Amino acid sequence: MAATLQLVRKTTSVMELRRGTFHVLLDGNDVGSIDRHQTIEVPVEPGHHTLQVKADRYTSGRRLFDAADGEIVNFRCNGARIWPST
């Protein structure tokens, strides 16, 4: 059974409005895109992973996470930053 990565994009600043669509990188691979005020879900294999978002020349730092079988792992992003979400 796969785990699920859930990523929510919150917009709070004017600069964020100009950045457009972010590409979601899971373990260095582009697995989709996310727009302002959007939530995406990506199936992931159980184990250790890295998450980043990228928009033009902006790339977030890498967020490391572990996913267990059947687990939903939540993150939120704003600008080119990612935080674990509770």
PDB file of N, CA and C in Angstrom:
ATOM      1  N   MET A   1       0.851  -1.187   0.000  1.00  0.00           N
ATOM      2  CA  MET A   1       0.000   0.000   0.000  1.00  0.00           C
ATOM      3  C   MET A   1       0.890   1.242   0.000  1.00  0.00           C
ATOM      4  N   ALA A   2       0.542   2.213  -0.758  1.00  0.00           N
ATOM      5  CA  ALA A   2       1.325   3.451  -0.851  1.00  0.00           C
ATOM      6  C   ALA A   2       0.910   4.436   0.234  1.00  0.00           C
ATOM      7  N   ALA A   3       1.794   5.376   0.508  1.00  0.00           N
ATOM      8  CA  ALA A   3       1.487   6.517   1.363  1.00  0.00           C
ATOM      9  C   ALA A   3       1.048   7.659   0.446  1.00  0.00           C
ATOM     10  N   THR A   4       0.623   8.774   1.040  1.00  0.00           N
ATOM     11  CA  THR A   4       0.193   9.931   0.260  1.00  0.00           C
ATOM     12  C   THR A   4       0.879  11.180   0.770  1.00  0.00           C
ATOM     13  N   LEU A   5       1.445  11.948  -0.139  1.00  0.00           N
ATOM     14  CA  LEU A   5       1.986  13.265   0.177  1.00  0.00           C
ATOM     15  C   LEU A   5       0.905  14.280  -0.174  1.00  0.00           C
ATOM     16  N   GLN A   6       0.503  15.093   0.793  1.00  0.00           N
ATOM     17  CA  GLN A   6      -0.486  16.144   0.554  1.00  0.00           C
ATOM     18  C   GLN A   6       0.213  17.488   0.729  1.00  0.00           C
ATOM     19  N   LEU A   7       0.178  18.323  -0.307  1.00  0.00           N
ATOM     20  CA  LEU A   7       0.831  19.626  -0.293  1.00  0.00           C
ATOM     21  C   LEU A   7      -0.209  20.715  -0.542  1.00  0.00           C
ATOM     22  N   VAL A   8      -0.271  21.690   0.365  1.00  0.00           N
ATOM     23  CA  VAL A   8      -1.208  22.808   0.278  1.00  0.00           C
ATOM     24  C   VAL A   8      -0.399  24.062  -0.002  1.00  0.00           C
ATOM     25  N   ARG A   9      -0.834  24.852  -0.961  1.00  0.00           N
ATOM     26  CA  ARG A   9      -0.159  26.120  -1.260  1.00  0.00           C
ATOM     27  C   ARG A   9      -1.007  27.282  -0.768  1.00  0.00           C
ATOM     28  N   LYS A  10      -0.487  27.973   0.221  1.00  0.00           N
ATOM     29  CA  LYS A  10      -1.159  29.140   0.809  1.00  0.00           C
ATOM     30  C   LYS A  10      -0.491  30.402   0.277  1.00  0.00           C
ATOM     31  N   THR A  11      -1.272  31.398  -0.056  1.00  0.00           N
ATOM     32  CA  THR A  11      -0.757  32.669  -0.549  1.00  0.00           C
ATOM     33  C   THR A  11      -1.066  33.752   0.466  1.00  0.00           C
ATOM     34  N   THR A  12      -0.012  34.485   0.879  1.00  0.00           N
ATOM     35  CA  THR A  12      -0.221  35.541   1.864  1.00  0.00           C
ATOM     36  C   THR A  12       0.424  36.859   1.483  1.00  0.00           C
ATOM     37  N   SER A  13       1.177  36.901   0.395  1.00  0.00           N
ATOM     38  CA  SER A  13       1.857  38.148   0.054  1.00  0.00           C
ATOM     39  C   SER A  13       1.691  38.492  -1.424  1.00  0.00           C
ATOM     40  N   VAL A  14       1.919  39.753  -1.740  1.00  0.00           N
ATOM     41  CA  VAL A  14       1.832  40.220  -3.123  1.00  0.00           C
ATOM     42  C   VAL A  14       2.916  39.564  -3.974  1.00  0.00           C
ATOM     43  N   MET A  15       4.122  39.393  -3.420  1.00  0.00           N
ATOM     44  CA  MET A  15       5.205  38.747  -4.174  1.00  0.00           C
ATOM     45  C   MET A  15       4.810  37.334  -4.597  1.00  0.00           C
ATOM     46  N   GLU A  16       4.103  36.639  -3.743  1.00  0.00           N
ATOM     47  CA  GLU A  16       3.652  35.287  -4.046  1.00  0.00           C
ATOM     48  C   GLU A  16       2.727  35.281  -5.257  1.00  0.00           C
ATOM     49  N   LEU A  17       1.932  36.321  -5.439  1.00  0.00           N
ATOM     50  CA  LEU A  17       0.989  36.375  -6.556  1.00  0.00           C
ATOM     51  C   LEU A  17       1.694  36.385  -7.903  1.00  0.00           C
ATOM     52  N   ARG A  18       2.912  36.867  -7.940  1.00  0.00           N
ATOM     53  CA  ARG A  18       3.643  36.966  -9.211  1.00  0.00           C
ATOM     54  C   ARG A  18       4.349  35.685  -9.608  1.00  0.00           C
ATOM     55  N   ARG A  19       4.470  34.740  -8.725  1.00  0.00           N
ATOM     56  CA  ARG A  19       5.308  33.573  -8.985  1.00  0.00           C
ATOM     57  C   ARG A  19       4.648  32.502  -9.827  1.00  0.00           C
ATOM     58  N   GLY A  20       3.345  32.522  -9.960  1.00  0.00           N
ATOM     59  CA  GLY A  20       2.668  31.554 -10.820  1.00  0.00           C
ATOM     60  C   GLY A  20       2.710  30.138 -10.276  1.00  0.00           C
ATOM     61  N   THR A  21       2.815  29.186 -11.171  1.00  0.00           N
ATOM     62  CA  THR A  21       2.772  27.767 -10.834  1.00  0.00           C
ATOM     63  C   THR A  21       4.115  27.288 -10.297  1.00  0.00           C
ATOM     64  N   PHE A  22       4.068  26.442  -9.268  1.00  0.00           N
ATOM     65  CA  PHE A  22       5.275  25.796  -8.737  1.00  0.00           C
ATOM     66  C   PHE A  22       5.311  24.368  -9.245  1.00  0.00           C
ATOM     67  N   HIS A  23       6.507  23.892  -9.527  1.00  0.00           N
ATOM     68  CA  HIS A  23       6.709  22.479  -9.821  1.00  0.00           C
ATOM     69  C   HIS A  23       7.048  21.786  -8.510  1.00  0.00           C
ATOM     70  N   VAL A  24       6.477  20.614  -8.311  1.00  0.00           N
ATOM     71  CA  VAL A  24       6.709  19.841  -7.092  1.00  0.00           C
ATOM     72  C   VAL A  24       7.742  18.761  -7.425  1.00  0.00           C
ATOM     73  N   LEU A  25       8.835  18.773  -6.669  1.00  0.00           N
ATOM     74  CA  LEU A  25       9.915  17.810  -6.884  1.00  0.00           C
ATOM     75  C   LEU A  25       9.945  16.831  -5.721  1.00  0.00           C
ATOM     76  N   LEU A  26       9.746  15.565  -6.013  1.00  0.00           N
ATOM     77  CA  LEU A  26       9.805  14.514  -5.020  1.00  0.00           C
ATOM     78  C   LEU A  26      11.005  13.646  -5.351  1.00  0.00           C
ATOM     79  N   ASP A  27      11.957  13.597  -4.441  1.00  0.00           N
ATOM     80  CA  ASP A  27      13.202  12.846  -4.654  1.00  0.00           C
ATOM     81  C   ASP A  27      13.898  13.300  -5.937  1.00  0.00           C
ATOM     82  N   GLY A  28      13.797  14.607  -6.231  1.00  0.00           N
ATOM     83  CA  GLY A  28      14.456  15.185  -7.401  1.00  0.00           C
ATOM     84  C   GLY A  28      13.684  15.058  -8.697  1.00  0.00           C
ATOM     85  N   ASN A  29      12.537  14.377  -8.677  1.00  0.00           N
ATOM     86  CA  ASN A  29      11.723  14.186  -9.883  1.00  0.00           C
ATOM     87  C   ASN A  29      10.494  15.084  -9.851  1.00  0.00           C
ATOM     88  N   ASP A  30      10.185  15.700 -10.979  1.00  0.00           N
ATOM     89  CA  ASP A  30       9.003  16.549 -11.103  1.00  0.00           C
ATOM     90  C   ASP A  30       7.770  15.644 -11.117  1.00  0.00           C
ATOM     91  N   VAL A  31       6.935  15.760 -10.067  1.00  0.00           N
ATOM     92  CA  VAL A  31       5.763  14.885  -9.950  1.00  0.00           C
ATOM     93  C   VAL A  31       4.445  15.633 -10.127  1.00  0.00           C
ATOM     94  N   GLY A  32       4.522  16.921 -10.448  1.00  0.00           N
ATOM     95  CA  GLY A  32       3.299  17.676 -10.655  1.00  0.00           C
ATOM     96  C   GLY A  32       3.521  19.150 -10.417  1.00  0.00           C
ATOM     97  N   SER A  33       2.431  19.892 -10.448  1.00  0.00           N
ATOM     98  CA  SER A  33       2.515  21.330 -10.230  1.00  0.00           C
ATOM     99  C   SER A  33       1.389  21.751  -9.291  1.00  0.00           C
ATOM    100  N   ILE A  34       1.585  22.933  -8.690  1.00  0.00           N
ATOM    101  CA  ILE A  34       0.606  23.442  -7.745  1.00  0.00           C
ATOM    102  C   ILE A  34       0.472  24.947  -7.939  1.00  0.00           C
ATOM    103  N   ASP A  35      -0.768  25.418  -8.002  1.00  0.00           N
ATOM    104  CA  ASP A  35      -1.062  26.845  -8.144  1.00  0.00           C
ATOM    105  C   ASP A  35      -1.483  27.417  -6.797  1.00  0.00           C
ATOM    106  N   ARG A  36      -1.647  28.727  -6.770  1.00  0.00           N
ATOM    107  CA  ARG A  36      -2.100  29.402  -5.539  1.00  0.00           C
ATOM    108  C   ARG A  36      -3.422  28.816  -5.057  1.00  0.00           C
ATOM    109  N   HIS A  37      -3.535  28.656  -3.752  1.00  0.00           N
ATOM    110  CA  HIS A  37      -4.751  28.165  -3.093  1.00  0.00           C
ATOM    111  C   HIS A  37      -5.154  26.773  -3.553  1.00  0.00           C
ATOM    112  N   GLN A  38      -4.194  25.977  -3.974  1.00  0.00           N
ATOM    113  CA  GLN A  38      -4.489  24.625  -4.450  1.00  0.00           C
ATOM    114  C   GLN A  38      -3.885  23.607  -3.477  1.00  0.00           C
ATOM    115  N   THR A  39      -4.472  22.422  -3.449  1.00  0.00           N
ATOM    116  CA  THR A  39      -3.943  21.290  -2.705  1.00  0.00           C
ATOM    117  C   THR A  39      -3.751  20.145  -3.690  1.00  0.00           C
ATOM    118  N   ILE A  40      -2.598  19.491  -3.620  1.00  0.00           N
ATOM    119  CA  ILE A  40      -2.388  18.321  -4.468  1.00  0.00           C
ATOM    120  C   ILE A  40      -2.037  17.128  -3.582  1.00  0.00           C
ATOM    121  N   GLU A  41      -2.321  15.952  -4.084  1.00  0.00           N
ATOM    122  CA  GLU A  41      -1.968  14.711  -3.409  1.00  0.00           C
ATOM    123  C   GLU A  41      -1.176  13.857  -4.385  1.00  0.00           C
ATOM    124  N   VAL A  42      -0.057  13.320  -3.882  1.00  0.00           N
ATOM    125  CA  VAL A  42       0.839  12.511  -4.704  1.00  0.00           C
ATOM    126  C   VAL A  42       1.088  11.198  -3.974  1.00  0.00           C
ATOM    127  N   PRO A  43       0.849  10.055  -4.626  1.00  0.00           N
ATOM    128  CA  PRO A  43       1.174   8.787  -3.974  1.00  0.00           C
ATOM    129  C   PRO A  43       2.690   8.630  -3.862  1.00  0.00           C
ATOM    130  N   VAL A  44       3.147   8.130  -2.721  1.00  0.00           N
ATOM    131  CA  VAL A  44       4.576   7.887  -2.508  1.00  0.00           C
ATOM    132  C   VAL A  44       4.755   6.497  -1.918  1.00  0.00           C
ATOM    133  N   GLU A  45       5.863   5.881  -2.237  1.00  0.00           N
ATOM    134  CA  GLU A  45       6.194   4.596  -1.645  1.00  0.00           C
ATOM    135  C   GLU A  45       6.612   4.819  -0.196  1.00  0.00           C
ATOM    136  N   PRO A  46       6.330   3.880   0.687  1.00  0.00           N
ATOM    137  CA  PRO A  46       6.816   4.010   2.053  1.00  0.00           C
ATOM    138  C   PRO A  46       8.342   4.139   2.054  1.00  0.00           C
ATOM    139  N   GLY A  47       8.854   4.950   2.966  1.00  0.00           N
ATOM    140  CA  GLY A  47      10.301   5.115   3.068  1.00  0.00           C
ATOM    141  C   GLY A  47      10.691   6.571   3.219  1.00  0.00           C
ATOM    142  N   HIS A  48      11.965   6.842   2.987  1.00  0.00           N
ATOM    143  CA  HIS A  48      12.567   8.162   3.165  1.00  0.00           C
ATOM    144  C   HIS A  48      12.507   8.943   1.846  1.00  0.00           C
ATOM    145  N   HIS A  49      12.096  10.234   1.909  1.00  0.00           N
ATOM    146  CA  HIS A  49      11.935  11.044   0.703  1.00  0.00           C
ATOM    147  C   HIS A  49      12.404  12.476   0.926  1.00  0.00           C
ATOM    148  N   THR A  50      12.593  13.196  -0.180  1.00  0.00           N
ATOM    149  CA  THR A  50      12.866  14.636  -0.135  1.00  0.00           C
ATOM    150  C   THR A  50      11.804  15.358  -0.955  1.00  0.00           C
ATOM    151  N   LEU A  51      11.449  16.558  -0.498  1.00  0.00           N
ATOM    152  CA  LEU A  51      10.428  17.371  -1.157  1.00  0.00           C
ATOM    153  C   LEU A  51      10.974  18.767  -1.386  1.00  0.00           C
ATOM    154  N   GLN A  52      10.766  19.304  -2.579  1.00  0.00           N
ATOM    155  CA  GLN A  52      11.106  20.679  -2.915  1.00  0.00           C
ATOM    156  C   GLN A  52      10.033  21.236  -3.834  1.00  0.00           C
ATOM    157  N   VAL A  53       9.925  22.573  -3.884  1.00  0.00           N
ATOM    158  CA  VAL A  53       9.112  23.231  -4.900  1.00  0.00           C
ATOM    159  C   VAL A  53      10.019  24.175  -5.667  1.00  0.00           C
ATOM    160  N   LYS A  54       9.669  24.392  -6.934  1.00  0.00           N
ATOM    161  CA  LYS A  54      10.499  25.224  -7.797  1.00  0.00           C
ATOM    162  C   LYS A  54       9.607  26.114  -8.648  1.00  0.00           C
ATOM    163  N   ALA A  55       9.995  27.401  -8.735  1.00  0.00           N
ATOM    164  CA  ALA A  55       9.299  28.354  -9.593  1.00  0.00           C
ATOM    165  C   ALA A  55      10.351  29.241 -10.220  1.00  0.00           C
ATOM    166  N   ASP A  56      10.500  29.134 -11.519  1.00  0.00           N
ATOM    167  CA  ASP A  56      11.515  29.903 -12.240  1.00  0.00           C
ATOM    168  C   ASP A  56      12.875  29.705 -11.583  1.00  0.00           C
ATOM    169  N   ARG A  57      13.479  30.782 -11.102  1.00  0.00           N
ATOM    170  CA  ARG A  57      14.815  30.669 -10.507  1.00  0.00           C
ATOM    171  C   ARG A  57      14.773  30.371  -9.008  1.00  0.00           C
ATOM    172  N   TYR A  58      13.588  30.304  -8.433  1.00  0.00           N
ATOM    173  CA  TYR A  58      13.431  30.048  -7.005  1.00  0.00           C
ATOM    174  C   TYR A  58      13.227  28.558  -6.752  1.00  0.00           C
ATOM    175  N   THR A  59      14.024  28.012  -5.861  1.00  0.00           N
ATOM    176  CA  THR A  59      13.872  26.620  -5.443  1.00  0.00           C
ATOM    177  C   THR A  59      13.915  26.580  -3.926  1.00  0.00           C
ATOM    178  N   SER A  60      12.999  25.858  -3.341  1.00  0.00           N
ATOM    179  CA  SER A  60      12.972  25.745  -1.887  1.00  0.00           C
ATOM    180  C   SER A  60      14.140  24.899  -1.403  1.00  0.00           C
ATOM    181  N   GLY A  61      14.365  24.961  -0.113  1.00  0.00           N
ATOM    182  CA  GLY A  61      15.280  24.010   0.500  1.00  0.00           C
ATOM    183  C   GLY A  61      14.652  22.632   0.464  1.00  0.00           C
ATOM    184  N   ARG A  62      15.459  21.616   0.662  1.00  0.00           N
ATOM    185  CA  ARG A  62      14.928  20.254   0.663  1.00  0.00           C
ATOM    186  C   ARG A  62      14.335  19.936   2.025  1.00  0.00           C
ATOM    187  N   ARG A  63      13.143  19.391   2.025  1.00  0.00           N
ATOM    188  CA  ARG A  63      12.496  18.906   3.240  1.00  0.00           C
ATOM    189  C   ARG A  63      12.544  17.387   3.211  1.00  0.00           C
ATOM    190  N   LEU A  64      13.116  16.812   4.233  1.00  0.00           N
ATOM    191  CA  LEU A  64      13.210  15.361   4.340  1.00  0.00           C
ATOM    192  C   LEU A  64      12.012  14.849   5.126  1.00  0.00           C
ATOM    193  N   PHE A  65      11.478  13.713   4.704  1.00  0.00           N
ATOM    194  CA  PHE A  65      10.376  13.110   5.453  1.00  0.00           C
ATOM    195  C   PHE A  65      10.354  11.606   5.238  1.00  0.00           C
ATOM    196  N   ASP A  66       9.764  10.923   6.194  1.00  0.00           N
ATOM    197  CA  ASP A  66       9.544   9.487   6.105  1.00  0.00           C
ATOM    198  C   ASP A  66       8.047   9.248   5.968  1.00  0.00           C
ATOM    199  N   ALA A  67       7.688   8.318   5.127  1.00  0.00           N
ATOM    200  CA  ALA A  67       6.279   7.978   4.917  1.00  0.00           C
ATOM    201  C   ALA A  67       6.082   6.508   5.249  1.00  0.00           C
ATOM    202  N   ALA A  68       5.103   6.235   6.085  1.00  0.00           N
ATOM    203  CA  ALA A  68       4.757   4.856   6.431  1.00  0.00           C
ATOM    204  C   ALA A  68       3.609   4.380   5.547  1.00  0.00           C
ATOM    205  N   ASP A  69       3.475   3.098   5.446  1.00  0.00           N
ATOM    206  CA  ASP A  69       2.424   2.482   4.647  1.00  0.00           C
ATOM    207  C   ASP A  69       1.055   3.027   5.042  1.00  0.00           C
ATOM    208  N   GLY A  70       0.309   3.582   4.089  1.00  0.00           N
ATOM    209  CA  GLY A  70      -1.032   4.099   4.321  1.00  0.00           C
ATOM    210  C   GLY A  70      -1.095   5.475   4.962  1.00  0.00           C
ATOM    211  N   GLU A  71       0.049   6.060   5.292  1.00  0.00           N
ATOM    212  CA  GLU A  71       0.090   7.362   5.972  1.00  0.00           C
ATOM    213  C   GLU A  71      -0.149   8.512   4.992  1.00  0.00           C
ATOM    214  N   ILE A  72      -0.742   9.605   5.492  1.00  0.00           N
ATOM    215  CA  ILE A  72      -0.841  10.854   4.741  1.00  0.00           C
ATOM    216  C   ILE A  72       0.141  11.827   5.371  1.00  0.00           C
ATOM    217  N   VAL A  73       1.121  12.277   4.584  1.00  0.00           N
ATOM    218  CA  VAL A  73       2.141  13.209   5.047  1.00  0.00           C
ATOM    219  C   VAL A  73       1.759  14.590   4.529  1.00  0.00           C
ATOM    220  N   ASN A  74       1.595  15.562   5.435  1.00  0.00           N
ATOM    221  CA  ASN A  74       1.101  16.890   5.073  1.00  0.00           C
ATOM    222  C   ASN A  74       2.193  17.944   5.115  1.00  0.00           C
ATOM    223  N   PHE A  75       2.244  18.774   4.069  1.00  0.00           N
ATOM    224  CA  PHE A  75       3.120  19.931   4.002  1.00  0.00           C
ATOM    225  C   PHE A  75       2.325  21.097   3.440  1.00  0.00           C
ATOM    226  N   ARG A  76       2.804  22.303   3.714  1.00  0.00           N
ATOM    227  CA  ARG A  76       2.244  23.495   3.088  1.00  0.00           C
ATOM    228  C   ARG A  76       3.399  24.312   2.543  1.00  0.00           C
ATOM    229  N   CYS A  77       3.140  25.075   1.493  1.00  0.00           N
ATOM    230  CA  CYS A  77       4.184  25.914   0.922  1.00  0.00           C
ATOM    231  C   CYS A  77       3.648  27.316   0.697  1.00  0.00           C
ATOM    232  N   ASN A  78       4.570  28.259   0.740  1.00  0.00           N
ATOM    233  CA  ASN A  78       4.290  29.676   0.511  1.00  0.00           C
ATOM    234  C   ASN A  78       5.575  30.260  -0.026  1.00  0.00           C
ATOM    235  N   GLY A  79       5.519  30.933  -1.162  1.00  0.00           N
ATOM    236  CA  GLY A  79       6.768  31.346  -1.780  1.00  0.00           C
ATOM    237  C   GLY A  79       7.524  30.083  -2.150  1.00  0.00           C
ATOM    238  N   ALA A  80       8.820  30.116  -2.030  1.00  0.00           N
ATOM    239  CA  ALA A  80       9.616  28.921  -2.309  1.00  0.00           C
ATOM    240  C   ALA A  80      10.054  28.287  -0.996  1.00  0.00           C
ATOM    241  N   ARG A  81       9.126  28.197  -0.046  1.00  0.00           N
ATOM    242  CA  ARG A  81       9.402  27.575   1.250  1.00  0.00           C
ATOM    243  C   ARG A  81       8.347  26.513   1.515  1.00  0.00           C
ATOM    244  N   ILE A  82       8.782  25.467   2.240  1.00  0.00           N
ATOM    245  CA  ILE A  82       7.888  24.364   2.582  1.00  0.00           C
ATOM    246  C   ILE A  82       7.973  24.124   4.086  1.00  0.00           C
ATOM    247  N   TRP A  83       6.812  23.891   4.700  1.00  0.00           N
ATOM    248  CA  TRP A  83       6.733  23.572   6.123  1.00  0.00           C
ATOM    249  C   TRP A  83       5.890  22.324   6.311  1.00  0.00           C
ATOM    250  N   PRO A  84       6.236  21.514   7.327  1.00  0.00           N
ATOM    251  CA  PRO A  84       5.317  20.437   7.697  1.00  0.00           C
ATOM    252  C   PRO A  84       4.005  21.058   8.172  1.00  0.00           C
ATOM    253  N   SER A  85       2.930  20.425   7.872  1.00  0.00           N
ATOM    254  CA  SER A  85       1.612  20.928   8.254  1.00  0.00           C
ATOM    255  C   SER A  85       1.006  19.970   9.259  1.00  0.00           C
ATOM    256  N   THR A  86       0.342  20.535  10.263  1.00  0.00           N
ATOM    257  CA  THR A  86      -0.264  19.677  11.270  1.00  0.00           C
ATOM    258  C   THR A  86      -1.735  19.520  11.037  1.00  0.00           C
TER     259      THR A  86
END
